[in-house]
Amino acid sequence: MALSSTPISITPSLSELQSGNLSQQNLEIAIRTLQRDGLIVLKDLIQHDVLDKLNNKMVKDAYELQSKENSPYNYNKGNIQQDPLLTDEWFEDSVFLNPIVTQVTSTALGPRPSLRFISGNTALPPTGASPPQRQPTHNDADFDHPSITFALVVNVPLITMTPENGSTEIWLGTHNDTTIADQEGKHGDRASGRIKTALLERRRMERPPSQPIVTKGSVIVRDLRLWHGGCPNFGTDPRAMLAMIHFAPWYRNQMKVEFADTLKDRLTLETSRLEIPATFVTTKELEQNYLNRPYGNAYNFDQVDKIDGVF
């Protein structure tokens, strides 16, 4: 029987939300789904008022970034990469350190994963006469990567995502046997990680992609290796989505996240259950610089001291 292209979702009970832990049964569903499909949706984890506050800030920032001469776009100018402002005013634990999300990632990756990347992308409504564009189907692991799960991307949509406003196209199950040989473009190219056309057509016959509706308050956890592509926003409002990456504790990535120094006490291993390699700066310095960071391939998700020729 052919596998569905619609992602599986879990809706935690009130007791699970209050305890910050999924039941054993729901945790098993999450882990089995990640292994098979490379993606699971955890519904109703985040309060809408929290998302509304952050969305208002990030939409304002997105238009500022779009107006820059060297706009930080991903593949096309309708898709802006932007970082949230990680200060006391905007940092919410239920968004960035959600205990149920960490329970899932630490079960899949091993205890104490490393949170080494926090950013986001916003699909902007079309402007002018040019038709909106989509990203090519690509793999974020645009380097010679392990054949086992080593990193999970945590996506938090700030509004409900639909095909109309640019819900991400996903190719479930493609993480299980993908390699660097499937890709065109090298790390450092603006469109690196693109999946070869012949492979896409073959996969489409086996298990086609989907562009799911993901309701507000949900969190998506996906394998970094999963094929996907950002789609155009045909609506009238920007569609902002946060992106965080949890790396396995054995994976030797070197990235760090920049936070306001007033958050230092909230980012400990005891409170977050995560290793958070951080750089701390003053709130004023962060406010001045967070919209001027490198983007796209300036980030390197590879690891150092790789083991070759053993497996």
C-alpha atoms as a PDB file:
ATOM      1  CA  MET A   1       0.000   0.000   0.000  1.00  0.00           C
ATOM      2  CA  ALA A   2       1.331   3.434  -0.956  1.00  0.00           C
ATOM      3  CA  LEU A   3       2.271   5.730   1.918  1.00  0.00           C
ATOM      4  CA  SER A   4       0.350   8.962   2.363  1.00  0.00           C
ATOM      5  CA  SER A   5       1.953  12.296   1.504  1.00  0.00           C
ATOM      6  CA  THR A   6       0.052  14.049   4.300  1.00  0.00           C
ATOM      7  CA  PRO A   7       2.165  14.504   7.457  1.00  0.00           C
ATOM      8  CA  ILE A   8       1.113  12.817  10.678  1.00  0.00           C
ATOM      9  CA  SER A   9       0.210  15.098  13.571  1.00  0.00           C
ATOM     10  CA  ILE A  10      -0.124  14.666  17.325  1.00  0.00           C
ATOM     11  CA  THR A  11      -2.408  16.789  19.496  1.00  0.00           C
ATOM     12  CA  PRO A  12      -1.175  16.626  23.106  1.00  0.00           C
ATOM     13  CA  SER A  13      -3.732  16.326  25.864  1.00  0.00           C
ATOM     14  CA  LEU A  14      -4.144  18.994  28.532  1.00  0.00           C
ATOM     15  CA  SER A  15      -2.230  16.839  31.014  1.00  0.00           C
ATOM     16  CA  GLU A  16       0.617  16.394  28.523  1.00  0.00           C
ATOM     17  CA  LEU A  17       0.779  20.165  27.962  1.00  0.00           C
ATOM     18  CA  GLN A  18       0.785  20.842  31.691  1.00  0.00           C
ATOM     19  CA  SER A  19       3.524  18.313  32.406  1.00  0.00           C
ATOM     20  CA  GLY A  20       5.609  19.254  29.356  1.00  0.00           C
ATOM     21  CA  ASN A  21       5.837  15.611  28.318  1.00  0.00           C
ATOM     22  CA  LEU A  22       4.070  13.446  25.770  1.00  0.00           C
ATOM     23  CA  SER A  23       2.710  10.106  26.907  1.00  0.00           C
ATOM     24  CA  GLN A  24       4.776   7.045  26.036  1.00  0.00           C
ATOM     25  CA  GLN A  25       2.321   6.212  23.263  1.00  0.00           C
ATOM     26  CA  ASN A  26       2.456   9.670  21.671  1.00  0.00           C
ATOM     27  CA  LEU A  27       6.224   9.805  22.028  1.00  0.00           C
ATOM     28  CA  GLU A  28       6.471   6.466  20.232  1.00  0.00           C
ATOM     29  CA  ILE A  29       4.261   7.785  17.425  1.00  0.00           C
ATOM     30  CA  ALA A  30       6.490  10.852  17.099  1.00  0.00           C
ATOM     31  CA  ILE A  31       9.736   8.852  16.961  1.00  0.00           C
ATOM     32  CA  ARG A  32       8.417   6.200  14.578  1.00  0.00           C
ATOM     33  CA  THR A  33       7.030   8.936  12.324  1.00  0.00           C
ATOM     34  CA  LEU A  34      10.306  10.845  12.288  1.00  0.00           C
ATOM     35  CA  GLN A  35      12.142   7.654  11.371  1.00  0.00           C
ATOM     36  CA  ARG A  36       9.763   6.780   8.527  1.00  0.00           C
ATOM     37  CA  ASP A  37       8.599  10.153   7.208  1.00  0.00           C
ATOM     38  CA  GLY A  38      11.251  12.563   8.455  1.00  0.00           C
ATOM     39  CA  LEU A  39       8.610  14.985   9.780  1.00  0.00           C
ATOM     40  CA  ILE A  40       6.014  15.188  12.564  1.00  0.00           C
ATOM     41  CA  VAL A  41       3.550  17.984  13.423  1.00  0.00           C
ATOM     42  CA  LEU A  42       2.913  18.700  17.119  1.00  0.00           C
ATOM     43  CA  LYS A  43      -0.340  20.642  17.343  1.00  0.00           C
ATOM     44  CA  ASP A  44      -1.566  23.280  19.789  1.00  0.00           C
ATOM     45  CA  LEU A  45       1.710  23.673  21.677  1.00  0.00           C
ATOM     46  CA  ILE A  46       1.915  27.481  21.715  1.00  0.00           C
ATOM     47  CA  GLN A  47      -0.604  30.103  22.802  1.00  0.00           C
ATOM     48  CA  HIS A  48      -1.844  32.334  19.977  1.00  0.00           C
ATOM     49  CA  ASP A  49      -1.251  35.621  21.791  1.00  0.00           C
ATOM     50  CA  VAL A  50       2.436  34.725  22.129  1.00  0.00           C
ATOM     51  CA  LEU A  51       2.634  34.057  18.393  1.00  0.00           C
ATOM     52  CA  ASP A  52       0.723  37.249  17.525  1.00  0.00           C
ATOM     53  CA  LYS A  53       3.168  39.417  19.438  1.00  0.00           C
ATOM     54  CA  LEU A  54       6.184  37.829  17.750  1.00  0.00           C
ATOM     55  CA  ASN A  55       4.519  37.862  14.334  1.00  0.00           C
ATOM     56  CA  ASN A  56       3.875  41.608  14.475  1.00  0.00           C
ATOM     57  CA  LYS A  57       7.549  42.221  15.200  1.00  0.00           C
ATOM     58  CA  MET A  58       8.868  39.849  12.525  1.00  0.00           C
ATOM     59  CA  VAL A  59       6.532  41.129   9.800  1.00  0.00           C
ATOM     60  CA  LYS A  60       7.742  44.675  10.456  1.00  0.00           C
ATOM     61  CA  ASP A  61      11.345  43.438  10.301  1.00  0.00           C
ATOM     62  CA  ALA A  62      10.673  41.454   7.116  1.00  0.00           C
ATOM     63  CA  TYR A  63       9.608  44.541   5.190  1.00  0.00           C
ATOM     64  CA  GLU A  64      12.694  46.378   6.455  1.00  0.00           C
ATOM     65  CA  LEU A  65      14.888  43.510   5.217  1.00  0.00           C
ATOM     66  CA  GLN A  66      13.086  43.374   1.864  1.00  0.00           C
ATOM     67  CA  SER A  67      13.890  47.056   1.308  1.00  0.00           C
ATOM     68  CA  LYS A  68      17.634  46.537   1.751  1.00  0.00           C
ATOM     69  CA  GLU A  69      19.868  46.718  -1.297  1.00  0.00           C
ATOM     70  CA  ASN A  70      21.344  43.314  -0.453  1.00  0.00           C
ATOM     71  CA  SER A  71      18.196  41.647   0.849  1.00  0.00           C
ATOM     72  CA  PRO A  72      18.774  38.331   2.683  1.00  0.00           C
ATOM     73  CA  TYR A  73      16.616  36.189   0.430  1.00  0.00           C
ATOM     74  CA  ASN A  74      16.671  32.409   0.103  1.00  0.00           C
ATOM     75  CA  TYR A  75      16.689  31.346  -3.574  1.00  0.00           C
ATOM     76  CA  ASN A  76      14.169  34.055  -4.561  1.00  0.00           C
ATOM     77  CA  LYS A  77      13.301  37.545  -3.354  1.00  0.00           C
ATOM     78  CA  GLY A  78       9.887  36.551  -2.071  1.00  0.00           C
ATOM     79  CA  ASN A  79      11.459  34.400   0.630  1.00  0.00           C
ATOM     80  CA  ILE A  80      13.357  36.393   3.252  1.00  0.00           C
ATOM     81  CA  GLN A  81      15.642  34.813   5.832  1.00  0.00           C
ATOM     82  CA  GLN A  82      15.374  36.747   9.065  1.00  0.00           C
ATOM     83  CA  ASP A  83      16.466  36.267  12.640  1.00  0.00           C
ATOM     84  CA  PRO A  84      14.177  36.932  15.586  1.00  0.00           C
ATOM     85  CA  LEU A  85      15.348  39.414  18.188  1.00  0.00           C
ATOM     86  CA  LEU A  86      16.534  37.245  21.082  1.00  0.00           C
ATOM     87  CA  THR A  87      16.043  39.634  23.973  1.00  0.00           C
ATOM     88  CA  ASP A  88      13.895  39.424  27.119  1.00  0.00           C
ATOM     89  CA  GLU A  89      11.033  41.237  25.410  1.00  0.00           C
ATOM     90  CA  TRP A  90      10.765  38.768  22.526  1.00  0.00           C
ATOM     91  CA  PHE A  91      12.148  35.489  23.889  1.00  0.00           C
ATOM     92  CA  GLU A  92       9.358  33.140  24.944  1.00  0.00           C
ATOM     93  CA  ASP A  93      10.242  29.733  26.390  1.00  0.00           C
ATOM     94  CA  SER A  94       7.182  28.015  24.896  1.00  0.00           C
ATOM     95  CA  VAL A  95       8.451  29.010  21.435  1.00  0.00           C
ATOM     96  CA  PHE A  96      12.202  28.575  21.681  1.00  0.00           C
ATOM     97  CA  LEU A  97      12.577  26.039  24.512  1.00  0.00           C
ATOM     98  CA  ASN A  98       9.316  24.096  24.341  1.00  0.00           C
ATOM     99  CA  PRO A  99       9.687  21.063  26.630  1.00  0.00           C
ATOM    100  CA  ILE A 100       7.568  18.731  24.472  1.00  0.00           C
ATOM    101  CA  VAL A 101       9.636  19.602  21.412  1.00  0.00           C
ATOM    102  CA  THR A 102      12.831  18.966  23.365  1.00  0.00           C
ATOM    103  CA  GLN A 103      11.435  15.659  24.633  1.00  0.00           C
ATOM    104  CA  VAL A 104      10.936  14.549  21.028  1.00  0.00           C
ATOM    105  CA  THR A 105      14.301  15.768  19.738  1.00  0.00           C
ATOM    106  CA  SER A 106      16.279  14.406  22.689  1.00  0.00           C
ATOM    107  CA  THR A 107      14.623  11.012  22.266  1.00  0.00           C
ATOM    108  CA  ALA A 108      15.444  10.930  18.552  1.00  0.00           C
ATOM    109  CA  LEU A 109      18.941  12.442  18.744  1.00  0.00           C
ATOM    110  CA  GLY A 110      20.142  11.471  22.207  1.00  0.00           C
ATOM    111  CA  PRO A 111      20.079  13.330  25.537  1.00  0.00           C
ATOM    112  CA  ARG A 112      21.028  17.000  25.574  1.00  0.00           C
ATOM    113  CA  PRO A 113      20.947  17.952  21.886  1.00  0.00           C
ATOM    114  CA  SER A 114      22.705  21.169  20.925  1.00  0.00           C
ATOM    115  CA  LEU A 115      20.657  24.189  19.870  1.00  0.00           C
ATOM    116  CA  ARG A 116      23.078  25.905  17.494  1.00  0.00           C
ATOM    117  CA  PHE A 117      20.846  27.788  15.052  1.00  0.00           C
ATOM    118  CA  ILE A 118      17.882  30.130  15.441  1.00  0.00           C
ATOM    119  CA  SER A 119      16.585  32.019  12.458  1.00  0.00           C
ATOM    120  CA  GLY A 120      13.453  32.045  10.338  1.00  0.00           C
ATOM    121  CA  ASN A 121      12.036  32.667   6.918  1.00  0.00           C
ATOM    122  CA  THR A 122       9.145  34.761   5.714  1.00  0.00           C
ATOM    123  CA  ALA A 123       7.198  34.267   2.493  1.00  0.00           C
ATOM    124  CA  LEU A 124       6.173  37.741   1.380  1.00  0.00           C
ATOM    125  CA  PRO A 125       3.084  38.599  -0.686  1.00  0.00           C
ATOM    126  CA  PRO A 126       3.716  39.306  -4.379  1.00  0.00           C
ATOM    127  CA  THR A 127       4.730  42.804  -5.410  1.00  0.00           C
ATOM    128  CA  GLY A 128       4.676  44.400  -8.858  1.00  0.00           C
ATOM    129  CA  ALA A 129       3.948  42.599 -12.096  1.00  0.00           C
ATOM    130  CA  SER A 130       6.417  39.737 -11.652  1.00  0.00           C
ATOM    131  CA  PRO A 131       4.800  36.428 -10.679  1.00  0.00           C
ATOM    132  CA  PRO A 132       5.899  35.068  -7.302  1.00  0.00           C
ATOM    133  CA  GLN A 133       8.546  32.366  -7.411  1.00  0.00           C
ATOM    134  CA  ARG A 134       9.164  29.187  -5.434  1.00  0.00           C
ATOM    135  CA  GLN A 135      12.354  27.706  -4.102  1.00  0.00           C
ATOM    136  CA  PRO A 136      13.800  24.708  -5.906  1.00  0.00           C
ATOM    137  CA  THR A 137      13.296  21.431  -4.069  1.00  0.00           C
ATOM    138  CA  HIS A 138      16.420  21.123  -1.976  1.00  0.00           C
ATOM    139  CA  ASN A 139      18.148  19.483   0.965  1.00  0.00           C
ATOM    140  CA  ASP A 140      19.498  21.673   3.782  1.00  0.00           C
ATOM    141  CA  ALA A 141      22.313  19.141   4.303  1.00  0.00           C
ATOM    142  CA  ASP A 142      24.260  20.410   1.282  1.00  0.00           C
ATOM    143  CA  PHE A 143      27.435  18.546   2.219  1.00  0.00           C
ATOM    144  CA  ASP A 144      28.572  14.942   2.644  1.00  0.00           C
ATOM    145  CA  HIS A 145      26.371  14.104   5.605  1.00  0.00           C
ATOM    146  CA  PRO A 146      25.754  11.069   7.827  1.00  0.00           C
ATOM    147  CA  SER A 147      23.176   8.509   6.741  1.00  0.00           C
ATOM    148  CA  ILE A 148      21.507   8.599  10.166  1.00  0.00           C
ATOM    149  CA  THR A 149      19.538  11.370  11.827  1.00  0.00           C
ATOM    150  CA  PHE A 150      21.999  13.973  13.115  1.00  0.00           C
ATOM    151  CA  ALA A 151      19.933  17.164  13.163  1.00  0.00           C
ATOM    152  CA  LEU A 152      16.278  18.079  13.511  1.00  0.00           C
ATOM    153  CA  VAL A 153      14.810  21.370  12.352  1.00  0.00           C
ATOM    154  CA  VAL A 154      12.138  22.857  14.609  1.00  0.00           C
ATOM    155  CA  ASN A 155       9.782  25.113  12.630  1.00  0.00           C
ATOM    156  CA  VAL A 156       7.266  27.371  14.375  1.00  0.00           C
ATOM    157  CA  PRO A 157       4.787  29.051  12.006  1.00  0.00           C
ATOM    158  CA  LEU A 158       3.577  32.331  13.472  1.00  0.00           C
ATOM    159  CA  ILE A 159       0.263  32.091  11.586  1.00  0.00           C
ATOM    160  CA  THR A 160      -1.627  29.178  10.048  1.00  0.00           C
ATOM    161  CA  MET A 161       0.281  28.027   6.955  1.00  0.00           C
ATOM    162  CA  THR A 162      -1.701  27.125   3.843  1.00  0.00           C
ATOM    163  CA  PRO A 163      -0.897  26.534   0.165  1.00  0.00           C
ATOM    164  CA  GLU A 164      -2.227  30.044  -0.501  1.00  0.00           C
ATOM    165  CA  ASN A 165       0.200  31.838   1.840  1.00  0.00           C
ATOM    166  CA  GLY A 166       3.274  29.721   1.168  1.00  0.00           C
ATOM    167  CA  SER A 167       3.176  26.536   3.203  1.00  0.00           C
ATOM    168  CA  THR A 168       6.424  24.622   2.608  1.00  0.00           C
ATOM    169  CA  GLU A 169       6.295  21.762   0.102  1.00  0.00           C
ATOM    170  CA  ILE A 170       7.618  18.576   1.723  1.00  0.00           C
ATOM    171  CA  TRP A 171       8.704  15.197   0.331  1.00  0.00           C
ATOM    172  CA  LEU A 172       8.069  12.727   3.125  1.00  0.00           C
ATOM    173  CA  GLY A 173      10.512   9.868   3.523  1.00  0.00           C
ATOM    174  CA  THR A 174      13.257  11.337   1.339  1.00  0.00           C
ATOM    175  CA  HIS A 175      15.616  11.697   4.301  1.00  0.00           C
ATOM    176  CA  ASN A 176      16.118   7.934   4.543  1.00  0.00           C
ATOM    177  CA  ASP A 177      18.296   7.362   1.490  1.00  0.00           C
ATOM    178  CA  THR A 178      19.381  10.770   0.229  1.00  0.00           C
ATOM    179  CA  THR A 179      23.082  11.551  -0.325  1.00  0.00           C
ATOM    180  CA  ILE A 180      25.187  14.434  -1.547  1.00  0.00           C
ATOM    181  CA  ALA A 181      25.116  12.783  -4.985  1.00  0.00           C
ATOM    182  CA  ASP A 182      21.403  13.656  -5.259  1.00  0.00           C
ATOM    183  CA  GLN A 183      22.196  17.373  -5.259  1.00  0.00           C
ATOM    184  CA  GLU A 184      23.229  20.051  -7.715  1.00  0.00           C
ATOM    185  CA  GLY A 185      25.214  23.068  -6.606  1.00  0.00           C
ATOM    186  CA  LYS A 186      27.910  23.213  -3.968  1.00  0.00           C
ATOM    187  CA  HIS A 187      27.791  24.671  -0.481  1.00  0.00           C
ATOM    188  CA  GLY A 188      28.342  28.376  -0.953  1.00  0.00           C
ATOM    189  CA  ASP A 189      26.207  28.612  -4.090  1.00  0.00           C
ATOM    190  CA  ARG A 190      23.043  30.647  -3.645  1.00  0.00           C
ATOM    191  CA  ALA A 191      20.925  27.638  -4.672  1.00  0.00           C
ATOM    192  CA  SER A 192      23.003  24.813  -3.257  1.00  0.00           C
ATOM    193  CA  GLY A 193      21.371  21.548  -2.270  1.00  0.00           C
ATOM    194  CA  ARG A 194      18.982  21.440  -5.242  1.00  0.00           C
ATOM    195  CA  ILE A 195      17.724  17.927  -5.913  1.00  0.00           C
ATOM    196  CA  LYS A 196      18.323  16.635  -9.434  1.00  0.00           C
ATOM    197  CA  THR A 197      15.279  16.775 -11.672  1.00  0.00           C
ATOM    198  CA  ALA A 198      15.369  13.096 -12.656  1.00  0.00           C
ATOM    199  CA  LEU A 199      15.309  12.077  -8.985  1.00  0.00           C
ATOM    200  CA  LEU A 200      12.345  14.338  -8.296  1.00  0.00           C
ATOM    201  CA  GLU A 201      10.337  12.815 -11.131  1.00  0.00           C
ATOM    202  CA  ARG A 202      11.147   9.298  -9.981  1.00  0.00           C
ATOM    203  CA  ARG A 203      10.182  10.098  -6.409  1.00  0.00           C
ATOM    204  CA  ARG A 204       6.982  11.811  -7.517  1.00  0.00           C
ATOM    205  CA  MET A 205       5.796   8.487  -8.932  1.00  0.00           C
ATOM    206  CA  GLU A 206       6.486   6.693  -5.629  1.00  0.00           C
ATOM    207  CA  ARG A 207       5.339   9.217  -3.029  1.00  0.00           C
ATOM    208  CA  PRO A 208       4.539  12.696  -4.326  1.00  0.00           C
ATOM    209  CA  PRO A 209       5.150  15.865  -2.317  1.00  0.00           C
ATOM    210  CA  SER A 210       2.507  17.719  -0.349  1.00  0.00           C
ATOM    211  CA  GLN A 211       1.945  21.299   0.713  1.00  0.00           C
ATOM    212  CA  PRO A 212       0.086  20.834   3.991  1.00  0.00           C
ATOM    213  CA  ILE A 213      -2.026  23.153   6.075  1.00  0.00           C
ATOM    214  CA  VAL A 214      -0.316  23.648   9.454  1.00  0.00           C
ATOM    215  CA  THR A 215      -2.503  25.348  12.029  1.00  0.00           C
ATOM    216  CA  LYS A 216      -1.383  28.232  14.210  1.00  0.00           C
ATOM    217  CA  GLY A 217       0.080  27.030  17.494  1.00  0.00           C
ATOM    218  CA  SER A 218       1.652  23.951  15.911  1.00  0.00           C
ATOM    219  CA  VAL A 219       5.335  23.056  15.784  1.00  0.00           C
ATOM    220  CA  ILE A 220       6.932  21.057  12.967  1.00  0.00           C
ATOM    221  CA  VAL A 221       9.924  18.820  13.643  1.00  0.00           C
ATOM    222  CA  ARG A 222      11.714  17.577  10.521  1.00  0.00           C
ATOM    223  CA  ASP A 223      14.917  15.796   9.647  1.00  0.00           C
ATOM    224  CA  LEU A 224      17.472  18.238   8.217  1.00  0.00           C
ATOM    225  CA  ARG A 225      17.965  15.878   5.252  1.00  0.00           C
ATOM    226  CA  LEU A 226      14.325  15.922   4.118  1.00  0.00           C
ATOM    227  CA  TRP A 227      13.697  17.296   0.634  1.00  0.00           C
ATOM    228  CA  HIS A 228      11.542  20.425   0.713  1.00  0.00           C
ATOM    229  CA  GLY A 229      10.982  23.765  -0.970  1.00  0.00           C
ATOM    230  CA  GLY A 230       9.496  27.119  -0.014  1.00  0.00           C
ATOM    231  CA  CYS A 231       6.426  28.019  -2.073  1.00  0.00           C
ATOM    232  CA  PRO A 232       5.035  31.410  -3.144  1.00  0.00           C
ATOM    233  CA  ASN A 233       2.742  33.452  -0.963  1.00  0.00           C
ATOM    234  CA  PHE A 234      -0.314  34.360  -3.046  1.00  0.00           C
ATOM    235  CA  GLY A 235      -2.083  35.983  -0.108  1.00  0.00           C
ATOM    236  CA  THR A 236      -1.984  39.510   1.254  1.00  0.00           C
ATOM    237  CA  ASP A 237      -0.144  38.958   4.549  1.00  0.00           C
ATOM    238  CA  PRO A 238       3.445  37.805   5.128  1.00  0.00           C
ATOM    239  CA  ARG A 239       3.879  34.216   6.358  1.00  0.00           C
ATOM    240  CA  ALA A 240       6.639  34.116   8.970  1.00  0.00           C
ATOM    241  CA  MET A 241       8.089  30.869  10.318  1.00  0.00           C
ATOM    242  CA  LEU A 242      10.862  30.388  12.856  1.00  0.00           C
ATOM    243  CA  ALA A 243      13.571  27.795  12.291  1.00  0.00           C
ATOM    244  CA  MET A 244      15.746  26.257  14.998  1.00  0.00           C
ATOM    245  CA  ILE A 245      18.122  23.318  14.673  1.00  0.00           C
ATOM    246  CA  HIS A 246      18.815  20.721  17.362  1.00  0.00           C
ATOM    247  CA  PHE A 247      21.971  18.705  16.639  1.00  0.00           C
ATOM    248  CA  ALA A 248      22.762  15.271  18.065  1.00  0.00           C
ATOM    249  CA  PRO A 249      25.121  15.439  21.078  1.00  0.00           C
ATOM    250  CA  TRP A 250      27.795  13.536  19.134  1.00  0.00           C
ATOM    251  CA  TYR A 251      27.606  15.851  16.104  1.00  0.00           C
ATOM    252  CA  ARG A 252      30.505  18.291  16.064  1.00  0.00           C
ATOM    253  CA  ASN A 253      29.029  21.447  14.583  1.00  0.00           C
ATOM    254  CA  GLN A 254      30.615  24.770  15.562  1.00  0.00           C
ATOM    255  CA  MET A 255      27.832  27.355  15.231  1.00  0.00           C
ATOM    256  CA  LYS A 256      26.737  29.541  18.131  1.00  0.00           C
ATOM    257  CA  VAL A 257      23.613  31.606  18.705  1.00  0.00           C
ATOM    258  CA  GLU A 258      23.770  35.244  19.791  1.00  0.00           C
ATOM    259  CA  PHE A 259      21.522  36.240  22.706  1.00  0.00           C
ATOM    260  CA  ALA A 260      21.074  39.242  24.928  1.00  0.00           C
ATOM    261  CA  ASP A 261      23.107  38.768  28.094  1.00  0.00           C
ATOM    262  CA  THR A 262      19.957  39.188  30.208  1.00  0.00           C
ATOM    263  CA  LEU A 263      18.833  35.729  28.984  1.00  0.00           C
ATOM    264  CA  LYS A 264      21.866  33.899  30.343  1.00  0.00           C
ATOM    265  CA  ASP A 265      20.078  32.478  33.398  1.00  0.00           C
ATOM    266  CA  ARG A 266      17.212  31.127  31.245  1.00  0.00           C
ATOM    267  CA  LEU A 267      19.453  29.174  28.879  1.00  0.00           C
ATOM    268  CA  THR A 268      21.045  26.723  31.270  1.00  0.00           C
ATOM    269  CA  LEU A 269      21.031  22.974  30.718  1.00  0.00           C
ATOM    270  CA  GLU A 270      18.906  22.501  33.838  1.00  0.00           C
ATOM    271  CA  THR A 271      16.087  24.711  32.555  1.00  0.00           C
ATOM    272  CA  SER A 272      16.226  23.949  28.828  1.00  0.00           C
ATOM    273  CA  ARG A 273      17.441  20.305  28.657  1.00  0.00           C
ATOM    274  CA  LEU A 274      19.558  21.537  25.755  1.00  0.00           C
ATOM    275  CA  GLU A 275      23.170  22.423  25.249  1.00  0.00           C
ATOM    276  CA  ILE A 276      23.051  25.991  23.945  1.00  0.00           C
ATOM    277  CA  PRO A 277      26.410  27.207  22.648  1.00  0.00           C
ATOM    278  CA  ALA A 278      25.830  30.926  22.992  1.00  0.00           C
ATOM    279  CA  THR A 279      27.426  34.287  22.506  1.00  0.00           C
ATOM    280  CA  PHE A 280      26.037  36.944  24.843  1.00  0.00           C
ATOM    281  CA  VAL A 281      25.958  40.656  24.030  1.00  0.00           C
ATOM    282  CA  THR A 282      24.117  43.627  25.461  1.00  0.00           C
ATOM    283  CA  THR A 283      20.503  44.176  24.466  1.00  0.00           C
ATOM    284  CA  LYS A 284      21.460  47.431  22.763  1.00  0.00           C
ATOM    285  CA  GLU A 285      24.164  45.756  20.693  1.00  0.00           C
ATOM    286  CA  LEU A 286      21.805  42.953  19.689  1.00  0.00           C
ATOM    287  CA  GLU A 287      19.066  45.384  18.650  1.00  0.00           C
ATOM    288  CA  GLN A 288      21.558  47.238  16.456  1.00  0.00           C
ATOM    289  CA  ASN A 289      22.953  44.162  14.698  1.00  0.00           C
ATOM    290  CA  TYR A 290      20.418  41.327  14.482  1.00  0.00           C
ATOM    291  CA  LEU A 291      19.068  42.410  11.081  1.00  0.00           C
ATOM    292  CA  ASN A 292      22.549  42.689   9.582  1.00  0.00           C
ATOM    293  CA  ARG A 293      23.767  39.126  10.026  1.00  0.00           C
ATOM    294  CA  PRO A 294      25.021  36.723   7.358  1.00  0.00           C
ATOM    295  CA  TYR A 295      22.381  34.488   5.866  1.00  0.00           C
ATOM    296  CA  GLY A 296      21.868  31.439   3.665  1.00  0.00           C
ATOM    297  CA  ASN A 297      25.102  29.578   2.949  1.00  0.00           C
ATOM    298  CA  ALA A 298      27.030  31.740   5.402  1.00  0.00           C
ATOM    299  CA  TYR A 299      25.796  29.166   7.925  1.00  0.00           C
ATOM    300  CA  ASN A 300      27.540  25.811   7.837  1.00  0.00           C
ATOM    301  CA  PHE A 301      25.597  22.822   9.164  1.00  0.00           C
ATOM    302  CA  ASP A 302      28.500  20.408   8.616  1.00  0.00           C
ATOM    303  CA  GLN A 303      30.674  19.080  11.439  1.00  0.00           C
ATOM    304  CA  VAL A 304      34.404  19.209  12.095  1.00  0.00           C
ATOM    305  CA  ASP A 305      36.747  16.202  12.395  1.00  0.00           C
ATOM    306  CA  LYS A 306      34.486  13.959  10.319  1.00  0.00           C
ATOM    307  CA  ILE A 307      34.943  10.191  10.434  1.00  0.00           C
ATOM    308  CA  ASP A 308      35.546   8.842   6.945  1.00  0.00           C
ATOM    309  CA  GLY A 309      35.934   5.337   5.573  1.00  0.00           C
ATOM    310  CA  VAL A 310      34.596   3.494   8.618  1.00  0.00           C
ATOM    311  CA  PHE A 311      30.910   2.877   7.811  1.00  0.00           C
END
